[in-house]
Amino acid sequence: MRKVVAAFNMTLDGNCDHTAGLPDEEVHQHYTDLLDRSDVILYGRTTYQLMEYWRTFLEKPSGERTMDAFAAAIDRIPKIVFSRSLKEVDWKSAGLAELELKETVERLRQQPGRDILIGSRSLIQQLMKLRLIDELQLCIHPVVAGKGMSLFKDMDRIILRLVNTKRFDGGAIVLYYKLEAS
């Protein structure tokens, strides 16, 4: 069965705004490698539209190797977008979800292939409540935002087990968790 991996960036104080972190070359390379080890990424509308930013690097590369490599990786991975308001998406590697989130994930898990990534706060919350996430990867950036949206706002108590860590020279750290049985 394929593994469902929720990977998300946040600040030390729990802000999960994509603009609050400090991604550097190592962090970009980490996420490029994660995308390359996976077969699909699931997004909600808001995060999908934020990630469209990376399409500009395909036409006008930044010249920074790891940013350009991340842009290529995010472009090539298939994306399933969950939205009630979008009627279409124009990114060639993206499509709108045809089934509800739970059914989509359950079907994907049964297919052969590599990891299934979850890259949106709302989807992570829903799937955690459904106990459909196998691994939670939190990249904590050495920043205190002081305000913003929490990844775990309005969540019930869930016990996690730390299974690995990965430290970056710039001060960020990825914490790898498994969800414990409730």
C-alpha atoms as a PDB file:
ATOM      1  CA  MET A   1       0.000   0.000   0.000  1.00  0.00           C
ATOM      2  CA  ARG A   2       1.291   3.464  -0.891  1.00  0.00           C
ATOM      3  CA  LYS A   3       2.263   5.855   1.880  1.00  0.00           C
ATOM      4  CA  VAL A   4       0.364   9.135   2.405  1.00  0.00           C
ATOM      5  CA  VAL A   5       2.832  11.854   3.426  1.00  0.00           C
ATOM      6  CA  ALA A   6       1.759  15.288   4.646  1.00  0.00           C
ATOM      7  CA  ALA A   7       4.667  17.697   4.209  1.00  0.00           C
ATOM      8  CA  PHE A   8       4.369  21.269   5.380  1.00  0.00           C
ATOM      9  CA  ASN A   9       6.461  24.302   6.325  1.00  0.00           C
ATOM     10  CA  MET A  10       5.867  26.268   9.503  1.00  0.00           C
ATOM     11  CA  THR A  11       7.534  28.746  11.819  1.00  0.00           C
ATOM     12  CA  LEU A  12       8.612  28.050  15.398  1.00  0.00           C
ATOM     13  CA  ASP A  13       5.358  29.560  16.655  1.00  0.00           C
ATOM     14  CA  GLY A  14       3.246  27.358  14.389  1.00  0.00           C
ATOM     15  CA  ASN A  15       2.447  29.793  11.560  1.00  0.00           C
ATOM     16  CA  CYS A  16       1.943  27.852   8.348  1.00  0.00           C
ATOM     17  CA  ASP A  17       1.800  30.793   5.934  1.00  0.00           C
ATOM     18  CA  HIS A  18       3.929  29.827   2.922  1.00  0.00           C
ATOM     19  CA  THR A  19       5.595  33.258   2.935  1.00  0.00           C
ATOM     20  CA  ALA A  20       6.688  33.148   6.607  1.00  0.00           C
ATOM     21  CA  GLY A  21       9.546  30.631   6.337  1.00  0.00           C
ATOM     22  CA  LEU A  22      13.123  31.060   5.166  1.00  0.00           C
ATOM     23  CA  PRO A  23      13.691  28.403   2.511  1.00  0.00           C
ATOM     24  CA  ASP A  24      17.304  28.173   1.423  1.00  0.00           C
ATOM     25  CA  GLU A  25      19.153  25.936  -1.048  1.00  0.00           C
ATOM     26  CA  GLU A  26      19.099  22.928   1.294  1.00  0.00           C
ATOM     27  CA  VAL A  27      15.361  23.237   1.964  1.00  0.00           C
ATOM     28  CA  HIS A  28      14.588  23.643  -1.746  1.00  0.00           C
ATOM     29  CA  GLN A  29      16.697  20.556  -2.514  1.00  0.00           C
ATOM     30  CA  HIS A  30      14.937  18.598   0.244  1.00  0.00           C
ATOM     31  CA  TYR A  31      11.521  19.357  -1.267  1.00  0.00           C
ATOM     32  CA  THR A  32      12.752  18.659  -4.807  1.00  0.00           C
ATOM     33  CA  ASP A  33      13.916  15.223  -3.639  1.00  0.00           C
ATOM     34  CA  LEU A  34      10.593  14.619  -1.862  1.00  0.00           C
ATOM     35  CA  LEU A  35       8.655  15.464  -5.036  1.00  0.00           C
ATOM     36  CA  ASP A  36      10.921  13.233  -7.113  1.00  0.00           C
ATOM     37  CA  ARG A  37      10.236  10.284  -4.745  1.00  0.00           C
ATOM     38  CA  SER A  38       6.475  10.725  -5.054  1.00  0.00           C
ATOM     39  CA  ASP A  39       3.857  10.104  -7.729  1.00  0.00           C
ATOM     40  CA  VAL A  40       1.215  12.729  -6.964  1.00  0.00           C
ATOM     41  CA  ILE A  41       0.501  15.723  -4.732  1.00  0.00           C
ATOM     42  CA  LEU A  42      -2.916  16.769  -3.491  1.00  0.00           C
ATOM     43  CA  TYR A  43      -3.729  20.451  -3.023  1.00  0.00           C
ATOM     44  CA  GLY A  44      -6.632  22.582  -1.969  1.00  0.00           C
ATOM     45  CA  ARG A  45      -7.445  25.594  -4.127  1.00  0.00           C
ATOM     46  CA  THR A  46      -5.556  28.184  -2.078  1.00  0.00           C
ATOM     47  CA  THR A  47      -2.264  26.293  -1.933  1.00  0.00           C
ATOM     48  CA  TYR A  48      -2.564  25.221  -5.563  1.00  0.00           C
ATOM     49  CA  GLN A  49      -2.901  28.857  -6.610  1.00  0.00           C
ATOM     50  CA  LEU A  50       0.075  29.823  -4.429  1.00  0.00           C
ATOM     51  CA  MET A  51       2.186  27.061  -5.988  1.00  0.00           C
ATOM     52  CA  GLU A  52       1.435  28.367  -9.479  1.00  0.00           C
ATOM     53  CA  TYR A  53       4.089  30.974  -8.644  1.00  0.00           C
ATOM     54  CA  TRP A  54       6.727  28.358  -9.502  1.00  0.00           C
ATOM     55  CA  ARG A  55       5.551  28.171 -13.099  1.00  0.00           C
ATOM     56  CA  THR A  56       7.234  31.525 -13.758  1.00  0.00           C
ATOM     57  CA  PHE A  57      10.633  29.915 -13.088  1.00  0.00           C
ATOM     58  CA  LEU A  58      10.113  27.546 -15.993  1.00  0.00           C
ATOM     59  CA  GLU A  59       9.897  30.435 -18.448  1.00  0.00           C
ATOM     60  CA  LYS A  60      12.409  32.679 -16.650  1.00  0.00           C
ATOM     61  CA  PRO A  61      14.788  30.597 -14.509  1.00  0.00           C
ATOM     62  CA  SER A  62      16.104  32.366 -11.414  1.00  0.00           C
ATOM     63  CA  GLY A  63      19.667  31.199 -11.954  1.00  0.00           C
ATOM     64  CA  GLU A  64      19.622  29.628  -8.470  1.00  0.00           C
ATOM     65  CA  ARG A  65      20.040  25.923  -9.171  1.00  0.00           C
ATOM     66  CA  THR A  66      17.898  24.520  -6.346  1.00  0.00           C
ATOM     67  CA  MET A  67      15.015  26.956  -6.902  1.00  0.00           C
ATOM     68  CA  ASP A  68      14.949  26.155 -10.609  1.00  0.00           C
ATOM     69  CA  ALA A  69      15.142  22.401  -9.874  1.00  0.00           C
ATOM     70  CA  PHE A  70      12.238  22.718  -7.418  1.00  0.00           C
ATOM     71  CA  ALA A  71      10.212  24.585 -10.045  1.00  0.00           C
ATOM     72  CA  ALA A  72      10.844  21.767 -12.551  1.00  0.00           C
ATOM     73  CA  ALA A  73       9.921  19.096  -9.969  1.00  0.00           C
ATOM     74  CA  ILE A  74       6.695  20.836  -8.949  1.00  0.00           C
ATOM     75  CA  ASP A  75       5.827  21.273 -12.613  1.00  0.00           C
ATOM     76  CA  ARG A  76       6.250  17.605 -13.523  1.00  0.00           C
ATOM     77  CA  ILE A  77       4.517  15.940 -10.556  1.00  0.00           C
ATOM     78  CA  PRO A  78       0.818  15.251 -11.156  1.00  0.00           C
ATOM     79  CA  LYS A  79      -1.416  17.436  -8.997  1.00  0.00           C
ATOM     80  CA  ILE A  80      -4.981  16.747  -7.890  1.00  0.00           C
ATOM     81  CA  VAL A  81      -6.779  19.923  -6.824  1.00  0.00           C
ATOM     82  CA  PHE A  82      -9.753  19.904  -4.456  1.00  0.00           C
ATOM     83  CA  SER A  83     -11.917  22.970  -4.957  1.00  0.00           C
ATOM     84  CA  ARG A  84     -15.566  23.886  -4.859  1.00  0.00           C
ATOM     85  CA  SER A  85     -15.003  27.152  -6.736  1.00  0.00           C
ATOM     86  CA  LEU A  86     -12.511  26.310  -9.506  1.00  0.00           C
ATOM     87  CA  LYS A  87     -14.136  24.963 -12.655  1.00  0.00           C
ATOM     88  CA  GLU A  88     -10.844  24.219 -14.423  1.00  0.00           C
ATOM     89  CA  VAL A  89      -7.081  24.383 -13.966  1.00  0.00           C
ATOM     90  CA  ASP A  90      -4.651  25.260 -16.722  1.00  0.00           C
ATOM     91  CA  TRP A  91      -1.454  23.705 -15.366  1.00  0.00           C
ATOM     92  CA  LYS A  92      -0.771  20.766 -17.669  1.00  0.00           C
ATOM     93  CA  SER A  93       0.201  18.457 -14.784  1.00  0.00           C
ATOM     94  CA  ALA A  94      -2.865  19.361 -12.678  1.00  0.00           C
ATOM     95  CA  GLY A  95      -6.479  18.277 -12.672  1.00  0.00           C
ATOM     96  CA  LEU A  96      -9.523  18.874 -10.535  1.00  0.00           C
ATOM     97  CA  ALA A  97     -10.512  16.077  -8.172  1.00  0.00           C
ATOM     98  CA  GLU A  98     -13.386  13.995  -9.465  1.00  0.00           C
ATOM     99  CA  LEU A  99     -14.092  12.242  -6.145  1.00  0.00           C
ATOM    100  CA  GLU A 100     -14.281  13.352  -2.525  1.00  0.00           C
ATOM    101  CA  LEU A 101     -10.961  13.564  -0.656  1.00  0.00           C
ATOM    102  CA  LYS A 102     -11.398  10.364   1.396  1.00  0.00           C
ATOM    103  CA  GLU A 103     -12.324   8.270  -1.626  1.00  0.00           C
ATOM    104  CA  THR A 104      -9.510   9.750  -3.721  1.00  0.00           C
ATOM    105  CA  VAL A 105      -6.883   8.934  -1.105  1.00  0.00           C
ATOM    106  CA  GLU A 106      -8.249   5.456  -0.441  1.00  0.00           C
ATOM    107  CA  ARG A 107      -8.181   4.661  -4.174  1.00  0.00           C
ATOM    108  CA  LEU A 108      -4.683   6.090  -4.673  1.00  0.00           C
ATOM    109  CA  ARG A 109      -3.373   4.049  -1.722  1.00  0.00           C
ATOM    110  CA  GLN A 110      -4.532   0.831  -3.387  1.00  0.00           C
ATOM    111  CA  GLN A 111      -2.727   1.558  -6.648  1.00  0.00           C
ATOM    112  CA  PRO A 112       0.899   0.609  -7.168  1.00  0.00           C
ATOM    113  CA  GLY A 113       3.382   3.454  -7.037  1.00  0.00           C
ATOM    114  CA  ARG A 114       5.327   5.790  -4.850  1.00  0.00           C
ATOM    115  CA  ASP A 115       4.263   8.177  -2.068  1.00  0.00           C
ATOM    116  CA  ILE A 116       1.147  10.340  -2.181  1.00  0.00           C
ATOM    117  CA  LEU A 117       1.928  13.863  -0.958  1.00  0.00           C
ATOM    118  CA  ILE A 118      -0.510  16.175   0.796  1.00  0.00           C
ATOM    119  CA  GLY A 119       0.494  19.816   0.506  1.00  0.00           C
ATOM    120  CA  SER A 120      -2.430  21.884   1.831  1.00  0.00           C
ATOM    121  CA  ARG A 121      -3.415  22.796   5.368  1.00  0.00           C
ATOM    122  CA  SER A 122      -7.107  22.041   4.875  1.00  0.00           C
ATOM    123  CA  LEU A 123      -6.410  18.634   3.318  1.00  0.00           C
ATOM    124  CA  ILE A 124      -3.910  17.722   6.048  1.00  0.00           C
ATOM    125  CA  GLN A 125      -6.477  18.570   8.715  1.00  0.00           C
ATOM    126  CA  GLN A 126      -9.217  16.532   7.031  1.00  0.00           C
ATOM    127  CA  LEU A 127      -6.976  13.525   6.458  1.00  0.00           C
ATOM    128  CA  MET A 128      -5.584  13.611  10.007  1.00  0.00           C
ATOM    129  CA  LYS A 129      -9.137  13.489  11.338  1.00  0.00           C
ATOM    130  CA  LEU A 130      -9.830  10.527   9.041  1.00  0.00           C
ATOM    131  CA  ARG A 131      -6.564   8.856  10.154  1.00  0.00           C
ATOM    132  CA  LEU A 132      -5.427   8.604   6.521  1.00  0.00           C
ATOM    133  CA  ILE A 133      -1.973  10.164   6.925  1.00  0.00           C
ATOM    134  CA  ASP A 134       0.912   7.747   7.388  1.00  0.00           C
ATOM    135  CA  GLU A 135       3.661  10.311   7.931  1.00  0.00           C
ATOM    136  CA  LEU A 136       3.632  13.971   8.905  1.00  0.00           C
ATOM    137  CA  GLN A 137       6.754  15.909   7.888  1.00  0.00           C
ATOM    138  CA  LEU A 138       6.976  19.348   9.466  1.00  0.00           C
ATOM    139  CA  CYS A 139       9.763  21.625   8.302  1.00  0.00           C
ATOM    140  CA  ILE A 140      10.186  24.121  11.140  1.00  0.00           C
ATOM    141  CA  HIS A 141      11.899  27.355  10.109  1.00  0.00           C
ATOM    142  CA  PRO A 142      13.856  29.416  12.668  1.00  0.00           C
ATOM    143  CA  VAL A 143      11.355  32.274  12.542  1.00  0.00           C
ATOM    144  CA  VAL A 144       8.766  33.606  14.960  1.00  0.00           C
ATOM    145  CA  ALA A 145       6.012  35.112  12.825  1.00  0.00           C
ATOM    146  CA  GLY A 146       3.995  36.429  15.752  1.00  0.00           C
ATOM    147  CA  LYS A 147       0.708  35.930  13.945  1.00  0.00           C
ATOM    148  CA  GLY A 148      -0.894  33.884  11.217  1.00  0.00           C
ATOM    149  CA  MET A 149      -2.685  30.649  10.562  1.00  0.00           C
ATOM    150  CA  SER A 150      -1.930  27.532  12.610  1.00  0.00           C
ATOM    151  CA  LEU A 151      -1.739  24.164  10.875  1.00  0.00           C
ATOM    152  CA  PHE A 152      -3.514  22.525  13.803  1.00  0.00           C
ATOM    153  CA  LYS A 153      -6.143  25.146  14.639  1.00  0.00           C
ATOM    154  CA  ASP A 154      -9.472  23.554  15.642  1.00  0.00           C
ATOM    155  CA  MET A 155      -7.989  20.043  15.646  1.00  0.00           C
ATOM    156  CA  ASP A 156      -8.778  17.444  18.280  1.00  0.00           C
ATOM    157  CA  ARG A 157      -5.934  15.849  20.212  1.00  0.00           C
ATOM    158  CA  ILE A 158      -3.807  13.469  18.114  1.00  0.00           C
ATOM    159  CA  ILE A 159      -0.761  11.695  19.493  1.00  0.00           C
ATOM    160  CA  LEU A 160       2.304  11.585  17.256  1.00  0.00           C
ATOM    161  CA  ARG A 161       5.522   9.575  17.476  1.00  0.00           C
ATOM    162  CA  LEU A 162       8.761  11.186  16.304  1.00  0.00           C
ATOM    163  CA  VAL A 163      10.522   8.746  13.965  1.00  0.00           C
ATOM    164  CA  ASN A 164      13.242  10.881  12.391  1.00  0.00           C
ATOM    165  CA  THR A 165      14.705  14.366  12.080  1.00  0.00           C
ATOM    166  CA  LYS A 166      16.676  16.174   9.413  1.00  0.00           C
ATOM    167  CA  ARG A 167      18.619  19.314  10.274  1.00  0.00           C
ATOM    168  CA  PHE A 168      19.625  22.006   7.785  1.00  0.00           C
ATOM    169  CA  ASP A 169      22.627  24.309   8.154  1.00  0.00           C
ATOM    170  CA  GLY A 170      20.357  27.368   7.853  1.00  0.00           C
ATOM    171  CA  GLY A 171      18.578  26.390  11.081  1.00  0.00           C
ATOM    172  CA  ALA A 172      15.451  24.690   9.713  1.00  0.00           C
ATOM    173  CA  ILE A 173      14.636  21.160  10.839  1.00  0.00           C
ATOM    174  CA  VAL A 174      12.261  18.550   9.463  1.00  0.00           C
ATOM    175  CA  LEU A 175      10.440  16.503  12.091  1.00  0.00           C
ATOM    176  CA  TYR A 176       9.068  13.194  10.811  1.00  0.00           C
ATOM    177  CA  TYR A 177       6.074  11.863  12.745  1.00  0.00           C
ATOM    178  CA  LYS A 178       3.824   8.816  12.590  1.00  0.00           C
ATOM    179  CA  LEU A 179       0.288   9.138  13.884  1.00  0.00           C
ATOM    180  CA  GLU A 180      -0.299   6.912  16.901  1.00  0.00           C
ATOM    181  CA  ALA A 181      -3.471   4.895  17.325  1.00  0.00           C
ATOM    182  CA  SER A 182      -6.047   6.830  19.305  1.00  0.00           C
END
